[in-house]
C-alpha cells in the first residue's frame, strides 16, 4: 500500500511542492477547515483501525486534514485512509484539495527525534499564514490515553512527548478519552471541530468552503 509522508524538513518541495503554502491558501478559503495530528494508535476494535481511524474519518468528513504519526499510522493504513482513494470519505472541500495535489486525506508524518519534524511543519504553516502556531486552526489528539512523555508499549518514546511539545507551542491536545465512559470518535471530533471553528473565526476566515476554485 502506498503511504504518503510529509517530511517537514523538506517542506518546500514535499507533496507537490510548497506544501505549507498550498495548505495555507486552502485554509484561507475554507477548502480545508483545519488540520489535526493524531498521535499514537489503539487496538483495532470495532472495525479496521479502531478509534484512531474512526476519529480520522469523522474529521476528514468535516474538511479537516489529518496527519498521523506513531502507532496511528498502522490504524490509518488498516482503514485505507493513507492513499488518495481515501478522499471518497472526505468532505467536498478537502476532497478537492487532495485531488488537486494527488494526496491522501490522511498523511503519515515522520516525527524525527523529539518530534521536531512535526513542530517544524506546523511552524512553516504558521509562517505561510502569517500567524503564530497557537493561532492555527489546528489541534492534536492522542489516540491512546497517555500522559506527556509516557511511552506507549511498542509505539516509541515520543508519542506523549510530541503532544506535550505541540501543546507548549500553542496547539491544544483534544482527546476527551479520559472524560468519556468509552472512546467516542464522534464526540471527540465535535470538540475538535468546535475548536477549529473558533480559531478560524478569530482569524476572520469563513468556516466553510464556499466553492472557490483552488489554483
N, C-alpha and C. Protein backbone atom coordinates (compact mmCIF):
# COMPACT_ATOMS: atom_id res chain seq x y z
N UNK A 1 0.84 -1.19 0.00
CA UNK A 1 0.00 0.00 0.00
C UNK A 1 0.88 1.24 0.00
N UNK A 2 0.63 2.17 -0.90
CA UNK A 2 1.39 3.41 -0.95
C UNK A 2 0.94 4.33 0.17
N UNK A 3 1.89 4.77 0.99
CA UNK A 3 1.60 5.70 2.06
C UNK A 3 2.36 6.98 1.79
N UNK A 4 1.67 8.12 1.88
CA UNK A 4 2.31 9.39 1.59
C UNK A 4 2.78 10.04 2.88
N UNK A 5 3.97 10.59 2.82
CA UNK A 5 4.61 11.12 4.01
C UNK A 5 4.97 12.58 3.81
N UNK A 6 4.74 13.38 4.83
CA UNK A 6 5.21 14.75 4.84
C UNK A 6 6.48 14.80 5.67
N UNK A 7 7.59 15.20 5.06
CA UNK A 7 8.84 15.41 5.78
C UNK A 7 9.01 16.91 5.96
N UNK A 8 8.68 17.47 7.14
CA UNK A 8 8.68 18.91 7.28
C UNK A 8 10.03 19.57 7.01
N UNK A 9 11.15 18.86 7.16
CA UNK A 9 12.42 19.48 6.88
C UNK A 9 12.63 19.65 5.37
N UNK A 10 11.73 19.07 4.58
CA UNK A 10 11.74 19.26 3.14
C UNK A 10 10.43 19.93 2.71
N UNK A 11 9.90 20.78 3.59
CA UNK A 11 8.55 21.30 3.40
C UNK A 11 8.39 22.08 2.11
N UNK A 12 9.46 22.67 1.60
CA UNK A 12 9.33 23.48 0.39
C UNK A 12 9.15 22.64 -0.86
N UNK A 13 9.49 21.37 -0.79
CA UNK A 13 9.43 20.54 -2.00
C UNK A 13 8.59 19.29 -1.83
N UNK A 14 7.95 19.12 -0.69
CA UNK A 14 7.24 17.88 -0.41
C UNK A 14 5.80 17.94 -0.90
N UNK A 15 5.28 16.82 -1.33
CA UNK A 15 3.90 16.64 -1.76
C UNK A 15 3.50 17.71 -2.78
N UNK A 16 4.16 17.67 -3.91
CA UNK A 16 3.77 18.57 -4.99
C UNK A 16 4.47 19.91 -4.95
N UNK A 17 5.27 20.17 -3.90
CA UNK A 17 6.00 21.43 -3.82
C UNK A 17 5.26 22.47 -3.00
N UNK A 18 5.96 23.07 -2.01
CA UNK A 18 5.39 24.16 -1.22
C UNK A 18 4.18 23.76 -0.42
N UNK A 19 4.21 22.62 0.21
CA UNK A 19 3.04 22.13 0.93
C UNK A 19 2.49 23.13 1.95
N UNK A 20 3.31 23.74 2.80
CA UNK A 20 2.74 24.70 3.76
C UNK A 20 2.02 25.86 3.07
N UNK A 21 2.60 26.38 1.97
CA UNK A 21 1.95 27.49 1.26
C UNK A 21 0.63 27.06 0.64
N UNK A 22 0.63 25.88 0.02
CA UNK A 22 -0.61 25.37 -0.59
C UNK A 22 -1.68 25.13 0.46
N UNK A 23 -1.28 24.53 1.57
CA UNK A 23 -2.24 24.26 2.64
C UNK A 23 -2.71 25.57 3.26
N UNK A 24 -1.80 26.54 3.38
CA UNK A 24 -2.20 27.84 3.91
C UNK A 24 -3.26 28.50 3.07
N UNK A 25 -3.12 28.42 1.74
CA UNK A 25 -4.12 29.00 0.86
C UNK A 25 -5.45 28.27 0.99
N UNK A 26 -5.39 26.94 1.04
CA UNK A 26 -6.61 26.15 1.18
C UNK A 26 -7.32 26.45 2.50
N UNK A 27 -6.55 26.66 3.56
CA UNK A 27 -7.13 27.05 4.84
C UNK A 27 -7.79 28.43 4.74
N UNK A 28 -7.15 29.35 4.03
CA UNK A 28 -7.65 30.71 3.93
C UNK A 28 -9.01 30.78 3.26
N UNK A 29 -9.23 29.92 2.25
CA UNK A 29 -10.51 29.97 1.53
C UNK A 29 -11.51 28.95 2.05
N UNK A 30 -11.14 28.20 3.09
CA UNK A 30 -12.08 27.25 3.68
C UNK A 30 -12.16 25.93 2.98
N UNK A 31 -11.33 25.73 1.96
CA UNK A 31 -11.31 24.43 1.29
C UNK A 31 -10.91 23.34 2.28
N UNK A 32 -9.92 23.65 3.10
CA UNK A 32 -9.55 22.82 4.25
C UNK A 32 -9.85 23.65 5.49
N UNK A 33 -10.69 23.15 6.37
CA UNK A 33 -11.08 23.93 7.55
C UNK A 33 -9.98 23.99 8.59
N UNK A 34 -9.20 22.92 8.71
CA UNK A 34 -8.16 22.87 9.73
C UNK A 34 -7.37 21.60 9.58
N UNK A 35 -6.47 21.36 10.51
CA UNK A 35 -5.69 20.14 10.49
C UNK A 35 -5.49 19.62 11.90
N UNK A 36 -5.38 18.30 11.98
CA UNK A 36 -5.24 17.63 13.26
C UNK A 36 -4.18 16.56 13.15
N UNK A 37 -3.28 16.54 14.11
CA UNK A 37 -2.31 15.48 14.21
C UNK A 37 -2.78 14.42 15.18
N UNK A 38 -3.01 13.21 14.70
CA UNK A 38 -3.41 12.11 15.57
C UNK A 38 -2.15 11.31 15.91
N UNK A 39 -1.84 11.27 17.18
CA UNK A 39 -0.60 10.67 17.66
C UNK A 39 -0.90 9.34 18.33
N UNK A 40 -0.11 8.35 17.99
CA UNK A 40 -0.23 7.01 18.53
C UNK A 40 -1.53 6.37 18.07
N UNK A 41 -1.78 5.15 18.50
CA UNK A 41 -2.92 4.41 17.98
C UNK A 41 -3.56 3.54 19.03
N UNK A 42 -4.41 2.63 18.58
CA UNK A 42 -5.15 1.79 19.50
C UNK A 42 -5.38 0.43 18.86
N UNK A 43 -5.87 -0.48 19.65
CA UNK A 43 -6.20 -1.80 19.13
C UNK A 43 -7.35 -1.67 18.15
N UNK A 44 -7.36 -2.45 17.08
CA UNK A 44 -8.41 -2.33 16.06
C UNK A 44 -9.73 -2.92 16.52
N UNK A 45 -10.39 -2.20 17.43
CA UNK A 45 -11.68 -2.66 17.92
C UNK A 45 -12.79 -1.95 17.15
N UNK A 46 -13.84 -2.67 16.86
CA UNK A 46 -14.98 -2.08 16.19
C UNK A 46 -14.74 -1.78 14.73
N UNK A 47 -13.82 -2.48 14.11
CA UNK A 47 -13.58 -2.27 12.69
C UNK A 47 -12.14 -1.91 12.42
N UNK A 48 -11.73 -1.90 11.16
CA UNK A 48 -10.34 -1.61 10.80
C UNK A 48 -9.88 -0.27 11.35
N UNK A 49 -8.77 -0.32 12.08
CA UNK A 49 -8.18 0.91 12.58
C UNK A 49 -8.67 1.36 13.93
N UNK A 50 -9.80 0.85 14.40
CA UNK A 50 -10.28 1.19 15.74
C UNK A 50 -10.63 2.65 15.91
N UNK A 51 -10.43 3.16 17.14
CA UNK A 51 -10.85 4.51 17.50
C UNK A 51 -10.09 5.57 16.72
N UNK A 52 -8.79 5.38 16.54
CA UNK A 52 -7.99 6.39 15.83
C UNK A 52 -8.51 6.60 14.42
N UNK A 53 -8.78 5.52 13.70
CA UNK A 53 -9.30 5.64 12.34
C UNK A 53 -10.72 6.20 12.35
N UNK A 54 -11.51 5.83 13.35
CA UNK A 54 -12.86 6.38 13.45
C UNK A 54 -12.84 7.89 13.62
N UNK A 55 -11.90 8.37 14.45
CA UNK A 55 -11.75 9.81 14.63
C UNK A 55 -11.31 10.47 13.33
N UNK A 56 -10.35 9.86 12.64
CA UNK A 56 -9.88 10.42 11.38
C UNK A 56 -11.02 10.53 10.37
N UNK A 57 -11.86 9.49 10.29
CA UNK A 57 -12.98 9.52 9.35
C UNK A 57 -13.93 10.68 9.66
N UNK A 58 -14.23 10.86 10.94
CA UNK A 58 -15.12 11.96 11.32
C UNK A 58 -14.52 13.30 10.95
N UNK A 59 -13.21 13.45 11.12
CA UNK A 59 -12.55 14.72 10.85
C UNK A 59 -12.48 15.02 9.35
N UNK A 60 -12.10 14.03 8.55
CA UNK A 60 -11.97 14.31 7.11
C UNK A 60 -13.34 14.58 6.49
N UNK A 61 -14.39 14.01 7.04
CA UNK A 61 -15.74 14.32 6.55
C UNK A 61 -16.08 15.78 6.75
N UNK A 62 -15.42 16.40 7.74
CA UNK A 62 -15.67 17.81 8.05
C UNK A 62 -14.58 18.71 7.46
N UNK A 63 -13.92 18.23 6.41
CA UNK A 63 -12.90 19.01 5.69
C UNK A 63 -11.71 19.36 6.56
N UNK A 64 -11.33 18.46 7.44
CA UNK A 64 -10.17 18.64 8.29
C UNK A 64 -9.10 17.64 7.87
N UNK A 65 -7.95 18.16 7.46
CA UNK A 65 -6.84 17.31 7.04
C UNK A 65 -6.20 16.67 8.27
N UNK A 66 -5.85 15.41 8.15
CA UNK A 66 -5.31 14.66 9.29
C UNK A 66 -3.88 14.23 9.00
N UNK A 67 -3.02 14.39 10.00
CA UNK A 67 -1.67 13.85 9.97
C UNK A 67 -1.58 12.76 11.02
N UNK A 68 -1.02 11.64 10.66
CA UNK A 68 -0.88 10.53 11.60
C UNK A 68 0.59 10.28 11.87
N UNK A 69 0.90 9.98 13.11
CA UNK A 69 2.27 9.65 13.47
C UNK A 69 2.24 8.61 14.58
N UNK A 70 3.36 7.97 14.83
CA UNK A 70 3.39 6.93 15.85
C UNK A 70 2.51 5.76 15.46
N UNK A 71 1.87 5.15 16.46
CA UNK A 71 1.04 3.98 16.23
C UNK A 71 -0.20 4.26 15.41
N UNK A 72 -0.59 5.54 15.27
CA UNK A 72 -1.78 5.86 14.49
C UNK A 72 -1.59 5.52 13.02
N UNK A 73 -0.34 5.48 12.56
CA UNK A 73 -0.09 5.19 11.14
C UNK A 73 -0.64 3.82 10.76
N UNK A 74 -0.40 2.83 11.61
CA UNK A 74 -0.90 1.49 11.33
C UNK A 74 -2.42 1.46 11.28
N UNK A 75 -3.06 2.19 12.22
CA UNK A 75 -4.52 2.23 12.24
C UNK A 75 -5.07 2.85 10.96
N UNK A 76 -4.45 3.93 10.49
CA UNK A 76 -4.92 4.58 9.28
C UNK A 76 -4.70 3.69 8.05
N UNK A 77 -3.58 2.96 8.06
CA UNK A 77 -3.33 2.05 6.95
C UNK A 77 -4.37 0.96 6.87
N UNK A 78 -4.74 0.39 8.03
CA UNK A 78 -5.78 -0.65 8.06
C UNK A 78 -7.10 -0.12 7.52
N UNK A 79 -7.36 1.16 7.77
CA UNK A 79 -8.64 1.76 7.35
C UNK A 79 -8.62 2.25 5.91
N UNK A 80 -7.47 2.17 5.24
CA UNK A 80 -7.37 2.60 3.86
C UNK A 80 -7.39 4.10 3.66
N UNK A 81 -6.94 4.86 4.68
CA UNK A 81 -7.02 6.31 4.61
C UNK A 81 -5.70 6.96 4.20
N UNK A 82 -4.66 6.16 3.98
CA UNK A 82 -3.35 6.71 3.67
C UNK A 82 -3.05 6.74 2.18
N UNK A 83 -4.04 6.52 1.35
CA UNK A 83 -3.88 6.59 -0.10
C UNK A 83 -4.89 7.59 -0.67
N UNK A 84 -4.63 8.09 -1.87
CA UNK A 84 -5.57 9.05 -2.46
C UNK A 84 -7.00 8.55 -2.56
N UNK A 85 -7.19 7.24 -2.63
CA UNK A 85 -8.55 6.70 -2.70
C UNK A 85 -9.37 7.03 -1.45
N UNK A 86 -8.68 7.37 -0.37
CA UNK A 86 -9.37 7.72 0.87
C UNK A 86 -10.22 8.97 0.78
N UNK A 87 -10.01 9.78 -0.29
CA UNK A 87 -10.81 11.01 -0.41
C UNK A 87 -12.28 10.70 -0.61
N UNK A 88 -12.61 9.47 -0.93
CA UNK A 88 -14.02 9.09 -1.08
C UNK A 88 -14.78 9.30 0.22
N UNK A 89 -14.06 9.32 1.35
CA UNK A 89 -14.70 9.51 2.65
C UNK A 89 -14.57 10.94 3.16
N UNK A 90 -13.97 11.83 2.36
CA UNK A 90 -13.72 13.20 2.80
C UNK A 90 -14.84 14.14 2.37
N UNK A 91 -14.92 15.28 3.05
CA UNK A 91 -15.84 16.33 2.65
C UNK A 91 -15.43 16.92 1.32
N UNK A 92 -16.31 17.70 0.71
CA UNK A 92 -16.07 18.18 -0.65
C UNK A 92 -14.85 19.09 -0.75
N UNK A 93 -14.65 19.96 0.24
CA UNK A 93 -13.51 20.87 0.18
C UNK A 93 -12.19 20.14 0.31
N UNK A 94 -12.09 19.28 1.31
CA UNK A 94 -10.86 18.52 1.50
C UNK A 94 -10.62 17.59 0.32
N UNK A 95 -11.68 16.98 -0.19
CA UNK A 95 -11.53 16.08 -1.33
C UNK A 95 -10.98 16.83 -2.54
N UNK A 96 -11.47 18.06 -2.78
CA UNK A 96 -10.97 18.86 -3.90
C UNK A 96 -9.49 19.19 -3.71
N UNK A 97 -9.12 19.56 -2.49
CA UNK A 97 -7.72 19.89 -2.19
C UNK A 97 -6.82 18.68 -2.41
N UNK A 98 -7.24 17.54 -1.89
CA UNK A 98 -6.44 16.32 -2.04
C UNK A 98 -6.35 15.89 -3.49
N UNK A 99 -7.45 15.99 -4.22
CA UNK A 99 -7.43 15.64 -5.64
C UNK A 99 -6.49 16.56 -6.41
N UNK A 100 -6.49 17.84 -6.05
CA UNK A 100 -5.64 18.81 -6.74
C UNK A 100 -4.16 18.45 -6.60
N UNK A 101 -3.78 17.96 -5.41
CA UNK A 101 -2.38 17.62 -5.16
C UNK A 101 -2.08 16.14 -5.33
N UNK A 102 -3.13 15.33 -5.51
CA UNK A 102 -2.92 13.89 -5.62
C UNK A 102 -2.46 13.26 -4.31
N UNK A 103 -3.00 13.74 -3.19
CA UNK A 103 -2.60 13.24 -1.88
C UNK A 103 -3.78 12.59 -1.17
N UNK A 104 -3.47 11.88 -0.11
CA UNK A 104 -4.49 11.25 0.72
C UNK A 104 -5.04 12.25 1.73
N UNK A 105 -6.24 12.00 2.27
CA UNK A 105 -6.80 12.90 3.29
C UNK A 105 -6.15 12.70 4.65
N UNK A 106 -5.40 11.61 4.79
CA UNK A 106 -4.60 11.37 6.00
C UNK A 106 -3.17 11.14 5.54
N UNK A 107 -2.24 11.90 6.07
CA UNK A 107 -0.84 11.81 5.68
C UNK A 107 -0.01 11.30 6.84
N UNK A 108 0.91 10.40 6.54
CA UNK A 108 1.85 9.92 7.57
C UNK A 108 2.93 10.97 7.76
N UNK A 109 3.16 11.35 9.00
CA UNK A 109 4.18 12.34 9.29
C UNK A 109 5.26 11.72 10.16
N UNK A 110 6.49 11.74 9.69
CA UNK A 110 7.59 11.24 10.48
C UNK A 110 7.91 12.22 11.59
N UNK A 111 8.09 11.68 12.80
CA UNK A 111 8.30 12.55 13.95
C UNK A 111 9.71 13.12 14.00
N UNK A 112 10.71 12.29 13.73
CA UNK A 112 12.07 12.71 13.95
C UNK A 112 12.36 12.72 15.44
N UNK A 113 13.60 12.93 15.83
CA UNK A 113 13.96 12.95 17.25
C UNK A 113 13.17 14.03 17.99
N UNK A 114 12.52 13.61 19.09
CA UNK A 114 11.78 14.53 19.96
C UNK A 114 10.66 15.27 19.24
N UNK A 115 10.24 14.75 18.07
CA UNK A 115 9.12 15.34 17.38
C UNK A 115 9.41 16.66 16.68
N UNK A 116 10.70 17.00 16.49
CA UNK A 116 10.99 18.32 15.93
C UNK A 116 10.51 18.46 14.49
N UNK A 117 10.39 17.36 13.74
CA UNK A 117 9.92 17.45 12.37
C UNK A 117 8.48 17.91 12.31
N UNK A 118 7.65 17.38 13.21
CA UNK A 118 6.25 17.79 13.25
C UNK A 118 6.15 19.25 13.65
N UNK A 119 6.92 19.64 14.65
CA UNK A 119 6.93 21.04 15.08
C UNK A 119 7.36 21.96 13.94
N UNK A 120 8.36 21.52 13.16
CA UNK A 120 8.85 22.33 12.06
C UNK A 120 7.77 22.53 11.00
N UNK A 121 6.97 21.49 10.75
CA UNK A 121 5.91 21.63 9.75
C UNK A 121 4.87 22.64 10.20
N UNK A 122 4.42 22.53 11.45
CA UNK A 122 3.43 23.48 11.94
C UNK A 122 4.00 24.90 11.96
N UNK A 123 5.27 25.04 12.26
CA UNK A 123 5.91 26.36 12.24
C UNK A 123 5.92 26.92 10.82
N UNK A 124 6.22 26.07 9.82
CA UNK A 124 6.23 26.52 8.43
C UNK A 124 4.84 26.92 7.98
N UNK A 125 3.84 26.18 8.41
CA UNK A 125 2.46 26.51 8.05
C UNK A 125 2.06 27.84 8.69
N UNK A 126 2.42 28.05 9.95
CA UNK A 126 2.10 29.31 10.61
C UNK A 126 2.76 30.48 9.88
N UNK A 127 4.00 30.29 9.44
CA UNK A 127 4.70 31.33 8.69
C UNK A 127 3.99 31.63 7.38
N UNK A 128 3.52 30.59 6.71
CA UNK A 128 2.81 30.76 5.44
C UNK A 128 1.54 31.59 5.63
N UNK A 129 0.89 31.43 6.78
CA UNK A 129 -0.35 32.17 7.06
C UNK A 129 -0.09 33.50 7.74
N UNK A 130 1.16 33.73 8.17
CA UNK A 130 1.49 34.97 8.85
C UNK A 130 0.94 35.05 10.26
N UNK A 131 0.86 33.89 10.94
CA UNK A 131 0.34 33.84 12.30
C UNK A 131 1.29 33.05 13.17
N UNK A 132 0.98 32.98 14.46
CA UNK A 132 1.72 32.13 15.37
C UNK A 132 1.13 30.73 15.34
N UNK A 133 1.91 29.74 15.76
CA UNK A 133 1.41 28.36 15.82
C UNK A 133 0.12 28.29 16.63
N UNK A 134 0.07 29.03 17.73
CA UNK A 134 -1.10 28.99 18.61
C UNK A 134 -2.36 29.50 17.93
N UNK A 135 -2.21 30.27 16.84
CA UNK A 135 -3.38 30.83 16.15
C UNK A 135 -3.92 29.91 15.06
N UNK A 136 -3.19 28.86 14.73
CA UNK A 136 -3.62 27.97 13.65
C UNK A 136 -4.93 27.26 14.00
N UNK A 137 -5.79 27.02 12.99
CA UNK A 137 -6.97 26.19 13.20
C UNK A 137 -6.54 24.72 13.21
N UNK A 138 -5.91 24.33 14.29
CA UNK A 138 -5.27 23.01 14.36
C UNK A 138 -5.28 22.51 15.78
N UNK A 139 -5.10 21.21 15.92
CA UNK A 139 -5.06 20.58 17.24
C UNK A 139 -4.35 19.24 17.11
N UNK A 140 -4.08 18.63 18.23
CA UNK A 140 -3.59 17.26 18.24
C UNK A 140 -4.56 16.41 19.04
N UNK A 141 -4.52 15.13 18.80
CA UNK A 141 -5.34 14.21 19.59
C UNK A 141 -4.53 12.94 19.82
N UNK A 142 -4.41 12.57 21.08
CA UNK A 142 -3.66 11.38 21.45
C UNK A 142 -4.63 10.22 21.48
N UNK A 143 -4.49 9.32 20.52
CA UNK A 143 -5.44 8.22 20.39
C UNK A 143 -5.42 7.30 21.61
N UNK A 144 -4.24 7.06 22.12
CA UNK A 144 -4.13 6.29 23.36
C UNK A 144 -4.16 7.26 24.52
N UNK A 145 -4.70 6.84 25.65
CA UNK A 145 -4.82 7.71 26.80
C UNK A 145 -3.50 7.73 27.56
N UNK A 146 -2.56 8.57 27.06
CA UNK A 146 -1.22 8.61 27.62
C UNK A 146 -0.97 9.92 28.34
N UNK A 147 -0.05 9.90 29.27
CA UNK A 147 0.43 11.12 29.89
C UNK A 147 1.60 11.64 29.07
N UNK A 148 1.86 12.97 29.12
CA UNK A 148 3.02 13.50 28.40
C UNK A 148 4.29 12.77 28.79
N UNK A 149 5.07 12.45 27.73
CA UNK A 149 6.36 11.79 27.86
C UNK A 149 6.26 10.32 28.26
N UNK A 150 5.06 9.79 28.43
CA UNK A 150 4.93 8.37 28.76
C UNK A 150 4.88 7.56 27.48
N UNK A 151 5.77 6.60 27.28
CA UNK A 151 5.77 5.84 26.04
C UNK A 151 4.64 4.83 25.98
N UNK A 152 4.12 4.62 24.77
CA UNK A 152 3.16 3.55 24.55
C UNK A 152 3.94 2.30 24.19
N UNK A 153 3.57 1.20 24.76
CA UNK A 153 4.30 -0.04 24.53
C UNK A 153 4.36 -0.35 23.05
N UNK A 154 5.57 -0.44 22.52
CA UNK A 154 5.75 -0.79 21.12
C UNK A 154 5.57 0.34 20.16
N UNK A 155 5.24 1.53 20.66
CA UNK A 155 4.96 2.63 19.76
C UNK A 155 6.00 3.74 19.85
N UNK A 156 7.09 3.53 20.57
CA UNK A 156 8.14 4.52 20.62
C UNK A 156 7.97 5.49 21.75
N UNK A 157 9.02 6.26 22.08
CA UNK A 157 9.01 7.09 23.27
C UNK A 157 8.45 8.48 23.09
N UNK A 158 8.10 8.89 21.87
CA UNK A 158 7.82 10.30 21.67
C UNK A 158 6.35 10.64 21.56
N UNK A 159 5.43 9.67 21.64
CA UNK A 159 4.02 9.97 21.39
C UNK A 159 3.47 11.01 22.35
N UNK A 160 3.50 10.71 23.66
CA UNK A 160 3.01 11.68 24.63
C UNK A 160 3.85 12.93 24.64
N UNK A 161 5.17 12.79 24.46
CA UNK A 161 6.04 13.95 24.46
C UNK A 161 5.77 14.88 23.31
N UNK A 162 5.43 14.33 22.14
CA UNK A 162 5.12 15.16 20.98
C UNK A 162 3.89 16.01 21.26
N UNK A 163 2.86 15.41 21.85
CA UNK A 163 1.67 16.18 22.19
C UNK A 163 2.01 17.29 23.17
N UNK A 164 2.86 16.98 24.16
CA UNK A 164 3.27 18.00 25.12
C UNK A 164 4.02 19.13 24.44
N UNK A 165 4.91 18.78 23.51
CA UNK A 165 5.68 19.81 22.79
C UNK A 165 4.76 20.70 21.97
N UNK A 166 3.80 20.11 21.27
CA UNK A 166 2.87 20.89 20.47
C UNK A 166 1.97 21.74 21.35
N UNK A 167 1.60 21.21 22.51
CA UNK A 167 0.78 21.98 23.44
C UNK A 167 1.54 23.21 23.93
N UNK A 168 2.82 23.04 24.21
CA UNK A 168 3.62 24.18 24.63
C UNK A 168 3.75 25.21 23.51
N UNK A 169 3.69 24.75 22.26
CA UNK A 169 3.75 25.66 21.12
C UNK A 169 2.41 26.34 20.87
N UNK A 170 1.37 25.89 21.56
CA UNK A 170 0.07 26.54 21.44
C UNK A 170 -1.02 25.72 20.81
N UNK A 171 -0.72 24.46 20.43
CA UNK A 171 -1.75 23.60 19.85
C UNK A 171 -2.34 22.72 20.94
N UNK A 172 -3.63 22.81 21.19
CA UNK A 172 -4.21 22.01 22.26
C UNK A 172 -4.31 20.54 21.90
N UNK A 173 -4.22 19.70 22.92
CA UNK A 173 -4.45 18.27 22.74
C UNK A 173 -5.89 17.99 23.13
N UNK A 174 -6.68 17.56 22.18
CA UNK A 174 -8.10 17.31 22.41
C UNK A 174 -8.36 15.83 22.18
N UNK A 175 -8.58 15.09 23.26
CA UNK A 175 -8.88 13.68 23.09
C UNK A 175 -10.21 13.33 23.73
N UNK A 176 -10.44 13.87 24.94
CA UNK A 176 -11.69 13.57 25.63
C UNK A 176 -11.77 12.17 26.16
N UNK A 177 -10.75 11.33 25.88
CA UNK A 177 -10.85 9.93 26.24
C UNK A 177 -11.00 9.75 27.76
N UNK A 178 -10.30 10.57 28.53
CA UNK A 178 -10.37 10.40 29.97
C UNK A 178 -11.69 10.86 30.57
N UNK A 179 -12.48 11.64 29.80
CA UNK A 179 -13.73 12.17 30.31
C UNK A 179 -14.95 11.42 29.82
N UNK A 180 -14.73 10.39 29.02
CA UNK A 180 -15.85 9.65 28.45
C UNK A 180 -15.92 8.25 29.03
N UNK A 181 -17.10 7.69 29.04
CA UNK A 181 -17.25 6.32 29.54
C UNK A 181 -16.49 5.36 28.64
N UNK A 182 -16.39 5.66 27.38
CA UNK A 182 -15.63 4.85 26.43
C UNK A 182 -15.21 5.74 25.29
N UNK A 183 -14.24 5.31 24.50
CA UNK A 183 -13.79 6.13 23.37
C UNK A 183 -14.94 6.44 22.42
N UNK A 184 -15.14 7.70 22.11
CA UNK A 184 -16.24 8.13 21.26
C UNK A 184 -15.70 9.07 20.20
N UNK A 185 -15.32 8.55 19.04
CA UNK A 185 -14.74 9.41 17.99
C UNK A 185 -15.63 10.56 17.58
N UNK A 186 -16.95 10.36 17.57
CA UNK A 186 -17.86 11.41 17.13
C UNK A 186 -17.79 12.60 18.08
N UNK A 187 -17.82 12.33 19.38
CA UNK A 187 -17.78 13.43 20.35
C UNK A 187 -16.42 14.12 20.35
N UNK A 188 -15.36 13.36 20.21
CA UNK A 188 -14.04 13.98 20.15
C UNK A 188 -13.92 14.84 18.90
N UNK A 189 -14.43 14.35 17.76
CA UNK A 189 -14.40 15.12 16.52
C UNK A 189 -15.21 16.41 16.65
N UNK A 190 -16.34 16.34 17.35
CA UNK A 190 -17.14 17.55 17.57
C UNK A 190 -16.37 18.59 18.36
N UNK A 191 -15.67 18.13 19.41
CA UNK A 191 -14.88 19.06 20.22
C UNK A 191 -13.76 19.69 19.39
N UNK A 192 -13.11 18.88 18.57
CA UNK A 192 -12.05 19.40 17.71
C UNK A 192 -12.62 20.38 16.69
N UNK A 193 -13.75 20.03 16.09
CA UNK A 193 -14.37 20.90 15.09
C UNK A 193 -14.77 22.24 15.69
N UNK A 194 -15.29 22.21 16.92
CA UNK A 194 -15.66 23.46 17.59
C UNK A 194 -14.42 24.33 17.81
N UNK A 195 -13.32 23.70 18.20
CA UNK A 195 -12.08 24.44 18.41
C UNK A 195 -11.60 25.06 17.10
N UNK A 196 -11.66 24.30 16.01
CA UNK A 196 -11.21 24.80 14.71
C UNK A 196 -12.10 25.95 14.24
N UNK A 197 -13.41 25.83 14.46
CA UNK A 197 -14.32 26.92 14.11
C UNK A 197 -13.94 28.20 14.84
N UNK A 198 -13.68 28.08 16.13
CA UNK A 198 -13.32 29.26 16.92
C UNK A 198 -12.03 29.89 16.41
N UNK A 199 -11.06 29.07 16.08
CA UNK A 199 -9.78 29.59 15.59
C UNK A 199 -9.94 30.26 14.22
N UNK A 200 -10.74 29.66 13.35
CA UNK A 200 -10.97 30.26 12.03
C UNK A 200 -11.66 31.61 12.16
N UNK A 201 -12.68 31.68 12.98
CA UNK A 201 -13.41 32.93 13.15
C UNK A 201 -12.52 34.00 13.77
N UNK A 202 -11.63 33.58 14.68
CA UNK A 202 -10.71 34.54 15.29
C UNK A 202 -9.75 35.14 14.26
N UNK A 203 -9.47 34.37 13.21
CA UNK A 203 -8.60 34.86 12.13
C UNK A 203 -9.38 35.57 11.03
N UNK A 204 -10.70 35.68 11.20
CA UNK A 204 -11.53 36.33 10.20
C UNK A 204 -11.76 35.48 8.96
N UNK A 205 -11.70 34.16 9.11
CA UNK A 205 -11.87 33.25 7.98
C UNK A 205 -13.26 32.63 7.99
N UNK A 206 -13.84 32.46 6.81
CA UNK A 206 -15.09 31.71 6.72
C UNK A 206 -14.84 30.29 7.22
N UNK A 207 -15.85 29.72 7.84
CA UNK A 207 -15.64 28.39 8.41
C UNK A 207 -16.02 27.27 7.47
N UNK A 208 -16.61 27.57 6.34
CA UNK A 208 -17.00 26.52 5.41
C UNK A 208 -16.55 26.87 4.00
N UNK A 209 -16.23 25.84 3.24
CA UNK A 209 -15.81 26.02 1.85
C UNK A 209 -16.97 26.59 1.05
N UNK A 210 -16.68 27.70 0.33
CA UNK A 210 -17.75 28.37 -0.42
C UNK A 210 -17.75 28.01 -1.89
N UNK A 211 -16.95 27.02 -2.27
CA UNK A 211 -16.93 26.58 -3.66
C UNK A 211 -15.87 27.26 -4.51
N UNK A 212 -15.06 28.14 -3.90
CA UNK A 212 -14.00 28.78 -4.65
C UNK A 212 -13.06 27.74 -5.25
N UNK A 213 -12.60 27.98 -6.45
CA UNK A 213 -11.71 27.02 -7.11
C UNK A 213 -10.30 27.24 -6.61
N UNK A 214 -9.67 26.17 -6.17
CA UNK A 214 -8.28 26.26 -5.72
C UNK A 214 -7.37 26.26 -6.92
N UNK A 215 -6.38 27.14 -6.93
CA UNK A 215 -5.43 27.18 -8.04
C UNK A 215 -4.05 27.55 -7.52
